Amino acid sequence: AVKGDLHIDQHHTAEDSAIAIGEALTRALGDRRG
């Protein structure tokens, strides 16, 4: 779920959505064991 400054442009919404998904992925992976 994203609320971004689309009244400016799409850059921040695209960038920050990717960052948040990436951060969630690496956190869920933990120590990457297995």
PDB file of all heavy atoms in Angstrom:
ATOM      1  N   ALA A   1       0.856  -1.182   0.000  1.00  0.00           N
ATOM      2  CA  ALA A   1       0.000   0.000   0.000  1.00  0.00           C
ATOM      3  C   ALA A   1       0.895   1.236   0.000  1.00  0.00           C
ATOM      4  O   ALA A   1       1.725   1.405   0.900  1.00  0.00           O
ATOM      5  CB  ALA A   1      -0.915   0.010   1.221  1.00  0.00           C
ATOM      6  N   VAL A   2       0.728   2.086  -1.003  1.00  0.00           N
ATOM      7  CA  VAL A   2       1.583   3.256  -1.166  1.00  0.00           C
ATOM      8  C   VAL A   2       0.728   4.503  -1.327  1.00  0.00           C
ATOM      9  O   VAL A   2      -0.213   4.527  -2.125  1.00  0.00           O
ATOM     10  CB  VAL A   2       2.494   3.121  -2.408  1.00  0.00           C
ATOM     11  CG1 VAL A   2       3.444   4.316  -2.492  1.00  0.00           C
ATOM     12  CG2 VAL A   2       3.271   1.808  -2.385  1.00  0.00           C
ATOM     13  N   LYS A   3       1.074   5.531  -0.568  1.00  0.00           N
ATOM     14  CA  LYS A   3       0.544   6.873  -0.789  1.00  0.00           C
ATOM     15  C   LYS A   3       1.745   7.759  -1.121  1.00  0.00           C
ATOM     16  O   LYS A   3       2.598   7.997  -0.268  1.00  0.00           O
ATOM     17  CB  LYS A   3      -0.182   7.391   0.445  1.00  0.00           C
ATOM     18  CG  LYS A   3      -1.441   6.606   0.799  1.00  0.00           C
ATOM     19  CD  LYS A   3      -2.122   7.153   2.041  1.00  0.00           C
ATOM     20  CE  LYS A   3      -3.373   6.359   2.389  1.00  0.00           C
ATOM     21  NZ  LYS A   3      -4.026   6.870   3.632  1.00  0.00           N
ATOM     22  N   GLY A   4       1.821   8.175  -2.375  1.00  0.00           N
ATOM     23  CA  GLY A   4       2.987   8.928  -2.810  1.00  0.00           C
ATOM     24  C   GLY A   4       2.635  10.287  -3.363  1.00  0.00           C
ATOM     25  O   GLY A   4       1.458  10.614  -3.576  1.00  0.00           O
ATOM     26  N   ASP A   5       3.665  11.077  -3.631  1.00  0.00           N
ATOM     27  CA  ASP A   5       3.476  12.440  -4.135  1.00  0.00           C
ATOM     28  C   ASP A   5       3.302  12.425  -5.661  1.00  0.00           C
ATOM     29  O   ASP A   5       4.080  13.029  -6.402  1.00  0.00           O
ATOM     30  CB  ASP A   5       4.645  13.339  -3.713  1.00  0.00           C
ATOM     31  CG  ASP A   5       6.006  12.792  -4.120  1.00  0.00           C
ATOM     32  OD1 ASP A   5       6.060  11.683  -4.713  1.00  0.00           O
ATOM     33  OD2 ASP A   5       7.016  13.473  -3.857  1.00  0.00           O
ATOM     34  N   LEU A   6       2.257  11.749  -6.099  1.00  0.00           N
ATOM     35  CA  LEU A   6       2.007  11.608  -7.534  1.00  0.00           C
ATOM     36  C   LEU A   6       1.622  12.933  -8.185  1.00  0.00           C
ATOM     37  O   LEU A   6       1.651  13.046  -9.412  1.00  0.00           O
ATOM     38  CB  LEU A   6       0.915  10.560  -7.783  1.00  0.00           C
ATOM     39  CG  LEU A   6       1.300   9.119  -7.414  1.00  0.00           C
ATOM     40  CD1 LEU A   6       0.114   8.190  -7.595  1.00  0.00           C
ATOM     41  CD2 LEU A   6       2.482   8.646  -8.234  1.00  0.00           C
ATOM     42  N   HIS A   7       1.280  13.920  -7.379  1.00  0.00           N
ATOM     43  CA  HIS A   7       1.003  15.245  -7.946  1.00  0.00           C
ATOM     44  C   HIS A   7       2.280  15.896  -8.477  1.00  0.00           C
ATOM     45  O   HIS A   7       2.215  16.834  -9.279  1.00  0.00           O
ATOM     46  CB  HIS A   7       0.364  16.153  -6.890  1.00  0.00           C
ATOM     47  CG  HIS A   7       1.234  16.410  -5.697  1.00  0.00           C
ATOM     48  ND1 HIS A   7       1.475  15.440  -4.742  1.00  0.00           N
ATOM     49  CD2 HIS A   7       1.944  17.513  -5.311  1.00  0.00           C
ATOM     50  CE1 HIS A   7       2.278  15.944  -3.813  1.00  0.00           C
ATOM     51  NE2 HIS A   7       2.569  17.194  -4.126  1.00  0.00           N
ATOM     52  N   ILE A   8       3.439  15.373  -8.028  1.00  0.00           N
ATOM     53  CA  ILE A   8       4.726  15.851  -8.552  1.00  0.00           C
ATOM     54  C   ILE A   8       5.121  15.004  -9.754  1.00  0.00           C
ATOM     55  O   ILE A   8       5.235  15.487 -10.868  1.00  0.00           O
ATOM     56  CB  ILE A   8       5.807  15.813  -7.465  1.00  0.00           C
ATOM     57  CG1 ILE A   8       5.430  16.763  -6.315  1.00  0.00           C
ATOM     58  CG2 ILE A   8       7.175  16.175  -8.035  1.00  0.00           C
ATOM     59  CD1 ILE A   8       6.371  16.722  -5.138  1.00  0.00           C
ATOM     60  N   ASP A   9       5.375  13.720  -9.517  1.00  0.00           N
ATOM     61  CA  ASP A   9       5.599  12.753 -10.590  1.00  0.00           C
ATOM     62  C   ASP A   9       5.576  11.365  -9.966  1.00  0.00           C
ATOM     63  O   ASP A   9       5.258  11.192  -8.785  1.00  0.00           O
ATOM     64  CB  ASP A   9       6.891  13.019 -11.368  1.00  0.00           C
ATOM     65  CG  ASP A   9       8.156  12.862 -10.526  1.00  0.00           C
ATOM     66  OD1 ASP A   9       8.080  12.343  -9.391  1.00  0.00           O
ATOM     67  OD2 ASP A   9       9.233  13.255 -11.003  1.00  0.00           O
ATOM     68  N   GLN A  10       5.954  10.358 -10.741  1.00  0.00           N
ATOM     69  CA  GLN A  10       5.870   8.967 -10.283  1.00  0.00           C
ATOM     70  C   GLN A  10       7.181   8.449  -9.696  1.00  0.00           C
ATOM     71  O   GLN A  10       7.227   7.330  -9.184  1.00  0.00           O
ATOM     72  CB  GLN A  10       5.475   8.072 -11.461  1.00  0.00           C
ATOM     73  CG  GLN A  10       4.167   8.469 -12.113  1.00  0.00           C
ATOM     74  CD  GLN A  10       3.973   7.762 -13.441  1.00  0.00           C
ATOM     75  OE1 GLN A  10       4.940   7.340 -14.073  1.00  0.00           O
ATOM     76  NE2 GLN A  10       2.743   7.634 -13.864  1.00  0.00           N
ATOM     77  N   HIS A  11       8.214   9.253  -9.749  1.00  0.00           N
ATOM     78  CA  HIS A  11       9.557   8.769  -9.409  1.00  0.00           C
ATOM     79  C   HIS A  11       9.627   8.225  -7.983  1.00  0.00           C
ATOM     80  O   HIS A  11      10.101   7.108  -7.758  1.00  0.00           O
ATOM     81  CB  HIS A  11      10.567   9.900  -9.599  1.00  0.00           C
ATOM     82  CG  HIS A  11      11.982   9.487  -9.362  1.00  0.00           C
ATOM     83  ND1 HIS A  11      12.843   9.136 -10.381  1.00  0.00           N
ATOM     84  CD2 HIS A  11      12.695   9.348  -8.210  1.00  0.00           C
ATOM     85  CE1 HIS A  11      14.013   8.802  -9.872  1.00  0.00           C
ATOM     86  NE2 HIS A  11      13.956   8.938  -8.558  1.00  0.00           N
ATOM     87  N   HIS A  12       9.180   9.000  -7.010  1.00  0.00           N
ATOM     88  CA  HIS A  12       9.323   8.585  -5.619  1.00  0.00           C
ATOM     89  C   HIS A  12       8.475   7.363  -5.303  1.00  0.00           C
ATOM     90  O   HIS A  12       8.905   6.478  -4.549  1.00  0.00           O
ATOM     91  CB  HIS A  12       8.953   9.744  -4.681  1.00  0.00           C
ATOM     92  CG  HIS A  12       9.828  10.940  -4.847  1.00  0.00           C
ATOM     93  ND1 HIS A  12       9.330  12.227  -4.877  1.00  0.00           N
ATOM     94  CD2 HIS A  12      11.169  11.062  -5.018  1.00  0.00           C
ATOM     95  CE1 HIS A  12      10.322  13.079  -5.041  1.00  0.00           C
ATOM     96  NE2 HIS A  12      11.445  12.400  -5.136  1.00  0.00           N
ATOM     97  N   THR A  13       7.279   7.297  -5.876  1.00  0.00           N
ATOM     98  CA  THR A  13       6.412   6.146  -5.632  1.00  0.00           C
ATOM     99  C   THR A  13       7.038   4.882  -6.184  1.00  0.00           C
ATOM    100  O   THR A  13       7.058   3.829  -5.514  1.00  0.00           O
ATOM    101  CB  THR A  13       5.035   6.374  -6.261  1.00  0.00           C
ATOM    102  OG1 THR A  13       4.385   7.461  -5.583  1.00  0.00           O
ATOM    103  CG2 THR A  13       4.156   5.137  -6.155  1.00  0.00           C
ATOM    104  N   ALA A  14       7.575   4.938  -7.408  1.00  0.00           N
ATOM    105  CA  ALA A  14       8.213   3.765  -8.001  1.00  0.00           C
ATOM    106  C   ALA A  14       9.444   3.353  -7.208  1.00  0.00           C
ATOM    107  O   ALA A  14       9.623   2.182  -6.845  1.00  0.00           O
ATOM    108  CB  ALA A  14       8.572   4.046  -9.455  1.00  0.00           C
ATOM    109  N   GLU A  15      10.307   4.320  -6.930  1.00  0.00           N
ATOM    110  CA  GLU A  15      11.547   4.029  -6.217  1.00  0.00           C
ATOM    111  C   GLU A  15      11.290   3.470  -4.827  1.00  0.00           C
ATOM    112  O   GLU A  15      11.850   2.436  -4.437  1.00  0.00           O
ATOM    113  CB  GLU A  15      12.378   5.310  -6.112  1.00  0.00           C
ATOM    114  CG  GLU A  15      13.665   5.151  -5.324  1.00  0.00           C
ATOM    115  CD  GLU A  15      14.427   6.461  -5.231  1.00  0.00           C
ATOM    116  OE1 GLU A  15      13.832   7.473  -4.773  1.00  0.00           O
ATOM    117  OE2 GLU A  15      15.598   6.481  -5.628  1.00  0.00           O
ATOM    118  N   ASP A  16      10.442   4.142  -4.065  1.00  0.00           N
ATOM    119  CA  ASP A  16      10.251   3.747  -2.670  1.00  0.00           C
ATOM    120  C   ASP A  16       9.481   2.444  -2.541  1.00  0.00           C
ATOM    121  O   ASP A  16       9.674   1.693  -1.576  1.00  0.00           O
ATOM    122  CB  ASP A  16       9.554   4.868  -1.903  1.00  0.00           C
ATOM    123  CG  ASP A  16      10.454   6.081  -1.693  1.00  0.00           C
ATOM    124  OD1 ASP A  16      11.606   6.048  -2.166  1.00  0.00           O
ATOM    125  OD2 ASP A  16       9.998   7.066  -1.078  1.00  0.00           O
ATOM    126  N   SER A  17       8.593   2.147  -3.494  1.00  0.00           N
ATOM    127  CA  SER A  17       7.916   0.845  -3.453  1.00  0.00           C
ATOM    128  C   SER A  17       8.924  -0.274  -3.645  1.00  0.00           C
ATOM    129  O   SER A  17       8.862  -1.313  -2.965  1.00  0.00           O
ATOM    130  CB  SER A  17       6.816   0.770  -4.520  1.00  0.00           C
ATOM    131  OG  SER A  17       7.351   0.757  -5.831  1.00  0.00           O
ATOM    132  N   ALA A  18       9.873  -0.085  -4.556  1.00  0.00           N
ATOM    133  CA  ALA A  18      10.910  -1.096  -4.778  1.00  0.00           C
ATOM    134  C   ALA A  18      11.800  -1.245  -3.556  1.00  0.00           C
ATOM    135  O   ALA A  18      12.165  -2.370  -3.169  1.00  0.00           O
ATOM    136  CB  ALA A  18      11.747  -0.712  -5.995  1.00  0.00           C
ATOM    137  N   ILE A  19      12.151  -0.132  -2.928  1.00  0.00           N
ATOM    138  CA  ILE A  19      12.985  -0.180  -1.727  1.00  0.00           C
ATOM    139  C   ILE A  19      12.275  -0.943  -0.611  1.00  0.00           C
ATOM    140  O   ILE A  19      12.866  -1.814   0.041  1.00  0.00           O
ATOM    141  CB  ILE A  19      13.352   1.239  -1.263  1.00  0.00           C
ATOM    142  CG1 ILE A  19      14.310   1.894  -2.261  1.00  0.00           C
ATOM    143  CG2 ILE A  19      13.977   1.205   0.141  1.00  0.00           C
ATOM    144  CD1 ILE A  19      14.562   3.369  -1.991  1.00  0.00           C
ATOM    145  N   ALA A  20      11.008  -0.644  -0.390  1.00  0.00           N
ATOM    146  CA  ALA A  20      10.268  -1.280   0.700  1.00  0.00           C
ATOM    147  C   ALA A  20      10.092  -2.781   0.459  1.00  0.00           C
ATOM    148  O   ALA A  20      10.233  -3.589   1.380  1.00  0.00           O
ATOM    149  CB  ALA A  20       8.908  -0.605   0.874  1.00  0.00           C
ATOM    150  N   ILE A  21       9.807  -3.172  -0.780  1.00  0.00           N
ATOM    151  CA  ILE A  21       9.682  -4.604  -1.092  1.00  0.00           C
ATOM    152  C   ILE A  21      11.030  -5.289  -0.920  1.00  0.00           C
ATOM    153  O   ILE A  21      11.121  -6.391  -0.376  1.00  0.00           O
ATOM    154  CB  ILE A  21       9.124  -4.803  -2.512  1.00  0.00           C
ATOM    155  CG1 ILE A  21       7.677  -4.281  -2.593  1.00  0.00           C
ATOM    156  CG2 ILE A  21       9.172  -6.278  -2.913  1.00  0.00           C
ATOM    157  CD1 ILE A  21       7.124  -4.218  -4.005  1.00  0.00           C
ATOM    158  N   GLY A  22      12.102  -4.648  -1.379  1.00  0.00           N
ATOM    159  CA  GLY A  22      13.434  -5.218  -1.207  1.00  0.00           C
ATOM    160  C   GLY A  22      13.813  -5.366   0.255  1.00  0.00           C
ATOM    161  O   GLY A  22      14.391  -6.381   0.664  1.00  0.00           O
ATOM    162  N   GLU A  23      13.493  -4.355   1.064  1.00  0.00           N
ATOM    163  CA  GLU A  23      13.793  -4.425   2.494  1.00  0.00           C
ATOM    164  C   GLU A  23      13.001  -5.545   3.163  1.00  0.00           C
ATOM    165  O   GLU A  23      13.527  -6.253   4.035  1.00  0.00           O
ATOM    166  CB  GLU A  23      13.477  -3.090   3.154  1.00  0.00           C
ATOM    167  CG  GLU A  23      14.469  -1.979   2.814  1.00  0.00           C
ATOM    168  CD  GLU A  23      14.089  -0.638   3.423  1.00  0.00           C
ATOM    169  OE1 GLU A  23      12.948  -0.520   3.930  1.00  0.00           O
ATOM    170  OE2 GLU A  23      14.927   0.282   3.402  1.00  0.00           O
ATOM    171  N   ALA A  24      11.750  -5.710   2.754  1.00  0.00           N
ATOM    172  CA  ALA A  24      10.936  -6.793   3.314  1.00  0.00           C
ATOM    173  C   ALA A  24      11.503  -8.150   2.928  1.00  0.00           C
ATOM    174  O   ALA A  24      11.540  -9.082   3.743  1.00  0.00           O
ATOM    175  CB  ALA A  24       9.490  -6.659   2.834  1.00  0.00           C
ATOM    176  N   LEU A  25      11.966  -8.269   1.686  1.00  0.00           N
ATOM    177  CA  LEU A  25      12.548  -9.534   1.237  1.00  0.00           C
ATOM    178  C   LEU A  25      13.777  -9.898   2.054  1.00  0.00           C
ATOM    179  O   LEU A  25      13.899 -11.030   2.559  1.00  0.00           O
ATOM    180  CB  LEU A  25      12.911  -9.440  -0.243  1.00  0.00           C
ATOM    181  CG  LEU A  25      13.586 -10.678  -0.839  1.00  0.00           C
ATOM    182  CD1 LEU A  25      12.588 -11.814  -0.962  1.00  0.00           C
ATOM    183  CD2 LEU A  25      14.205 -10.363  -2.191  1.00  0.00           C
ATOM    184  N   THR A  26      14.697  -8.951   2.210  1.00  0.00           N
ATOM    185  CA  THR A  26      15.930  -9.274   2.926  1.00  0.00           C
ATOM    186  C   THR A  26      15.663  -9.540   4.397  1.00  0.00           C
ATOM    187  O   THR A  26      16.308 -10.402   5.010  1.00  0.00           O
ATOM    188  CB  THR A  26      16.980  -8.163   2.730  1.00  0.00           C
ATOM    189  OG1 THR A  26      18.259  -8.648   3.140  1.00  0.00           O
ATOM    190  CG2 THR A  26      16.649  -6.898   3.493  1.00  0.00           C
ATOM    191  N   ARG A  27      14.686  -8.849   4.987  1.00  0.00           N
ATOM    192  CA  ARG A  27      14.346  -9.109   6.388  1.00  0.00           C
ATOM    193  C   ARG A  27      13.733 -10.492   6.544  1.00  0.00           C
ATOM    194  O   ARG A  27      14.045 -11.227   7.494  1.00  0.00           O
ATOM    195  CB  ARG A  27      13.386  -8.040   6.905  1.00  0.00           C
ATOM    196  CG  ARG A  27      13.062  -8.194   8.382  1.00  0.00           C
ATOM    197  CD  ARG A  27      12.214  -7.055   8.891  1.00  0.00           C
ATOM    198  NE  ARG A  27      12.906  -5.770   8.825  1.00  0.00           N
ATOM    199  CZ  ARG A  27      12.388  -4.603   9.225  1.00  0.00           C
ATOM    200  NH1 ARG A  27      11.130  -4.581   9.712  1.00  0.00           N
ATOM    201  NH2 ARG A  27      13.081  -3.495   9.134  1.00  0.00           N
ATOM    202  N   ALA A  28      12.858 -10.880   5.631  1.00  0.00           N
ATOM    203  CA  ALA A  28      12.217 -12.193   5.713  1.00  0.00           C
ATOM    204  C   ALA A  28      13.226 -13.324   5.517  1.00  0.00           C
ATOM    205  O   ALA A  28      13.070 -14.414   6.070  1.00  0.00           O
ATOM    206  CB  ALA A  28      11.099 -12.299   4.676  1.00  0.00           C
ATOM    207  N   LEU A  29      14.274 -13.077   4.737  1.00  0.00           N
ATOM    208  CA  LEU A  29      15.297 -14.097   4.501  1.00  0.00           C
ATOM    209  C   LEU A  29      16.163 -14.346   5.733  1.00  0.00           C
ATOM    210  O   LEU A  29      16.781 -15.403   5.851  1.00  0.00           O
ATOM    211  CB  LEU A  29      16.186 -13.692   3.324  1.00  0.00           C
ATOM    212  CG  LEU A  29      15.585 -13.854   1.935  1.00  0.00           C
ATOM    213  CD1 LEU A  29      16.427 -13.124   0.900  1.00  0.00           C
ATOM    214  CD2 LEU A  29      15.453 -15.324   1.570  1.00  0.00           C
ATOM    215  N   GLY A  30      16.241 -13.395   6.627  1.00  0.00           N
ATOM    216  CA  GLY A  30      17.041 -13.567   7.831  1.00  0.00           C
ATOM    217  C   GLY A  30      18.509 -13.797   7.509  1.00  0.00           C
ATOM    218  O   GLY A  30      19.104 -13.049   6.720  1.00  0.00           O
ATOM    219  N   ASP A  31      19.099 -14.846   8.069  1.00  0.00           N
ATOM    220  CA  ASP A  31      20.525 -15.122   7.827  1.00  0.00           C
ATOM    221  C   ASP A  31      20.740 -15.923   6.548  1.00  0.00           C
ATOM    222  O   ASP A  31      21.857 -16.348   6.263  1.00  0.00           O
ATOM    223  CB  ASP A  31      21.157 -15.827   9.017  1.00  0.00           C
ATOM    224  CG  ASP A  31      20.613 -17.235   9.248  1.00  0.00           C
ATOM    225  OD1 ASP A  31      19.735 -17.681   8.474  1.00  0.00           O
ATOM    226  OD2 ASP A  31      21.064 -17.891  10.209  1.00  0.00           O
ATOM    227  N   ARG A  32      19.668 -16.145   5.778  1.00  0.00           N
ATOM    228  CA  ARG A  32      19.701 -16.852   4.491  1.00  0.00           C
ATOM    229  C   ARG A  32      20.035 -18.335   4.630  1.00  0.00           C
ATOM    230  O   ARG A  32      20.350 -19.004   3.655  1.00  0.00           O
ATOM    231  CB  ARG A  32      20.698 -16.207   3.515  1.00  0.00           C
ATOM    232  CG  ARG A  32      20.208 -14.907   2.905  1.00  0.00           C
ATOM    233  CD  ARG A  32      21.022 -13.749   3.401  1.00  0.00           C
ATOM    234  NE  ARG A  32      20.757 -12.554   2.578  1.00  0.00           N
ATOM    235  CZ  ARG A  32      20.009 -11.542   2.979  1.00  0.00           C
ATOM    236  NH1 ARG A  32      19.440 -11.579   4.173  1.00  0.00           N
ATOM    237  NH2 ARG A  32      19.828 -10.502   2.200  1.00  0.00           N
ATOM    238  N   ARG A  33      19.927 -18.846   5.827  1.00  0.00           N
ATOM    239  CA  ARG A  33      20.261 -20.249   6.052  1.00  0.00           C
ATOM    240  C   ARG A  33      19.354 -21.162   5.227  1.00  0.00           C
ATOM    241  O   ARG A  33      18.134 -21.060   5.270  1.00  0.00           O
ATOM    242  CB  ARG A  33      20.133 -20.578   7.539  1.00  0.00           C
ATOM    243  CG  ARG A  33      20.659 -21.956   7.938  1.00  0.00           C
ATOM    244  CD  ARG A  33      20.641 -22.107   9.455  1.00  0.00           C
ATOM    245  NE  ARG A  33      21.430 -21.047  10.092  1.00  0.00           N
ATOM    246  CZ  ARG A  33      22.745 -21.095  10.253  1.00  0.00           C
ATOM    247  NH1 ARG A  33      23.419 -22.161   9.848  1.00  0.00           N
ATOM    248  NH2 ARG A  33      23.389 -20.099  10.835  1.00  0.00           N
ATOM    249  N   GLY A  34      19.976 -22.060   4.477  1.00  0.00           N
ATOM    250  CA  GLY A  34      19.236 -23.085   3.754  1.00  0.00           C
ATOM    251  C   GLY A  34      18.723 -22.702   2.379  1.00  0.00           C
ATOM    252  O   GLY A  34      18.208 -23.549   1.656  1.00  0.00           O
TER     253      GLY A  34
END
